[in-house]
């Protein structure tokens, strides 16, 4: 059975660091601590999106998954 890949993201509402499955990138998720909902996003892709360099979200998700495969 394949293992899930995770990354870390801070909750924008309470600030706690959460472990988020990579397959949830771009989806709405709920913080386990404060129940705040937000979009799961990689901080690197958010910074790129803000600078209009435009790396598509799915491409960034693939890059994250590949980096996990290399480490395993």
C-alpha atoms as a PDB file:
ATOM      1  CA  UNK A   1       0.000   0.000   0.000  1.00  0.00           C
ATOM      2  CA  UNK A   2       1.530   3.361  -1.017  1.00  0.00           C
ATOM      3  CA  UNK A   3       2.276   5.856   1.716  1.00  0.00           C
ATOM      4  CA  UNK A   4       0.841   9.347   1.571  1.00  0.00           C
ATOM      5  CA  UNK A   5       3.135  12.325   1.024  1.00  0.00           C
ATOM      6  CA  UNK A   6       2.783  15.226   3.429  1.00  0.00           C
ATOM      7  CA  UNK A   7       3.989  18.808   3.662  1.00  0.00           C
ATOM      8  CA  UNK A   8       3.689  21.410   6.405  1.00  0.00           C
ATOM      9  CA  UNK A   9       1.517  24.529   6.282  1.00  0.00           C
ATOM     10  CA  UNK A  10       0.637  27.090   8.929  1.00  0.00           C
ATOM     11  CA  UNK A  11      -3.047  27.640   9.619  1.00  0.00           C
ATOM     12  CA  UNK A  12      -3.849  31.225   8.570  1.00  0.00           C
ATOM     13  CA  UNK A  13      -6.354  31.520  11.416  1.00  0.00           C
ATOM     14  CA  UNK A  14      -4.544  30.169  14.498  1.00  0.00           C
ATOM     15  CA  UNK A  15      -0.960  29.974  13.192  1.00  0.00           C
ATOM     16  CA  UNK A  16      -0.318  26.356  14.183  1.00  0.00           C
ATOM     17  CA  UNK A  17       1.743  24.234  11.849  1.00  0.00           C
ATOM     18  CA  UNK A  18      -0.279  21.459  10.248  1.00  0.00           C
ATOM     19  CA  UNK A  19       0.747  18.323   8.405  1.00  0.00           C
ATOM     20  CA  UNK A  20      -1.260  18.271   5.163  1.00  0.00           C
ATOM     21  CA  UNK A  21      -1.454  15.475   2.604  1.00  0.00           C
ATOM     22  CA  UNK A  22      -0.010  16.547  -0.752  1.00  0.00           C
ATOM     23  CA  UNK A  23      -3.122  15.303  -2.570  1.00  0.00           C
ATOM     24  CA  UNK A  24      -5.122  18.028  -0.766  1.00  0.00           C
ATOM     25  CA  UNK A  25      -3.204  20.854  -2.496  1.00  0.00           C
ATOM     26  CA  UNK A  26      -5.681  23.349  -3.909  1.00  0.00           C
ATOM     27  CA  UNK A  27      -8.576  21.973  -1.869  1.00  0.00           C
ATOM     28  CA  UNK A  28     -10.389  23.388   1.120  1.00  0.00           C
ATOM     29  CA  UNK A  29      -9.201  21.849   4.410  1.00  0.00           C
ATOM     30  CA  UNK A  30     -10.084  22.403   8.079  1.00  0.00           C
ATOM     31  CA  UNK A  31      -7.592  23.033  10.887  1.00  0.00           C
ATOM     32  CA  UNK A  32      -7.761  20.321  13.556  1.00  0.00           C
ATOM     33  CA  UNK A  33      -7.076  22.875  16.297  1.00  0.00           C
ATOM     34  CA  UNK A  34      -9.311  25.886  15.593  1.00  0.00           C
ATOM     35  CA  UNK A  35     -11.691  24.409  12.974  1.00  0.00           C
ATOM     36  CA  UNK A  36     -10.831  27.263  10.608  1.00  0.00           C
ATOM     37  CA  UNK A  37     -11.115  26.401   6.935  1.00  0.00           C
ATOM     38  CA  UNK A  38      -8.561  27.444   4.313  1.00  0.00           C
ATOM     39  CA  UNK A  39      -7.109  26.312   1.000  1.00  0.00           C
ATOM     40  CA  UNK A  40      -4.242  23.838   1.238  1.00  0.00           C
ATOM     41  CA  UNK A  41      -1.343  25.447  -0.574  1.00  0.00           C
ATOM     42  CA  UNK A  42       2.408  25.111  -0.694  1.00  0.00           C
ATOM     43  CA  UNK A  43       4.084  28.289   0.612  1.00  0.00           C
ATOM     44  CA  UNK A  44       6.535  28.256  -2.315  1.00  0.00           C
ATOM     45  CA  UNK A  45       3.713  28.163  -4.850  1.00  0.00           C
ATOM     46  CA  UNK A  46       1.843  30.926  -3.021  1.00  0.00           C
ATOM     47  CA  UNK A  47       4.924  33.150  -3.220  1.00  0.00           C
ATOM     48  CA  UNK A  48       5.298  32.341  -6.912  1.00  0.00           C
ATOM     49  CA  UNK A  49       1.602  33.007  -7.516  1.00  0.00           C
ATOM     50  CA  UNK A  50       1.958  36.409  -5.855  1.00  0.00           C
ATOM     51  CA  UNK A  51       4.912  37.273  -8.062  1.00  0.00           C
ATOM     52  CA  UNK A  52       2.972  36.202 -11.179  1.00  0.00           C
ATOM     53  CA  UNK A  53       5.660  33.743 -12.248  1.00  0.00           C
ATOM     54  CA  UNK A  54       2.763  31.310 -12.637  1.00  0.00           C
ATOM     55  CA  UNK A  55       3.890  27.788 -11.760  1.00  0.00           C
ATOM     56  CA  UNK A  56       0.610  25.857 -12.013  1.00  0.00           C
ATOM     57  CA  UNK A  57      -0.561  24.301  -8.760  1.00  0.00           C
ATOM     58  CA  UNK A  58      -0.683  20.751 -10.120  1.00  0.00           C
ATOM     59  CA  UNK A  59       2.857  21.060 -11.485  1.00  0.00           C
ATOM     60  CA  UNK A  60       4.050  22.180  -8.033  1.00  0.00           C
ATOM     61  CA  UNK A  61       2.195  19.240  -6.437  1.00  0.00           C
ATOM     62  CA  UNK A  62       3.991  16.878  -8.816  1.00  0.00           C
ATOM     63  CA  UNK A  63       7.337  18.444  -7.868  1.00  0.00           C
ATOM     64  CA  UNK A  64       6.574  17.930  -4.166  1.00  0.00           C
ATOM     65  CA  UNK A  65       5.575  14.307  -4.744  1.00  0.00           C
ATOM     66  CA  UNK A  66       8.768  13.656  -6.719  1.00  0.00           C
ATOM     67  CA  UNK A  67      10.907  15.153  -3.935  1.00  0.00           C
ATOM     68  CA  UNK A  68       9.267  12.777  -1.447  1.00  0.00           C
ATOM     69  CA  UNK A  69       9.884   9.766  -3.685  1.00  0.00           C
ATOM     70  CA  UNK A  70      13.572  10.633  -3.872  1.00  0.00           C
ATOM     71  CA  UNK A  71      13.887  10.735  -0.063  1.00  0.00           C
ATOM     72  CA  UNK A  72      12.047   7.443   0.540  1.00  0.00           C
END
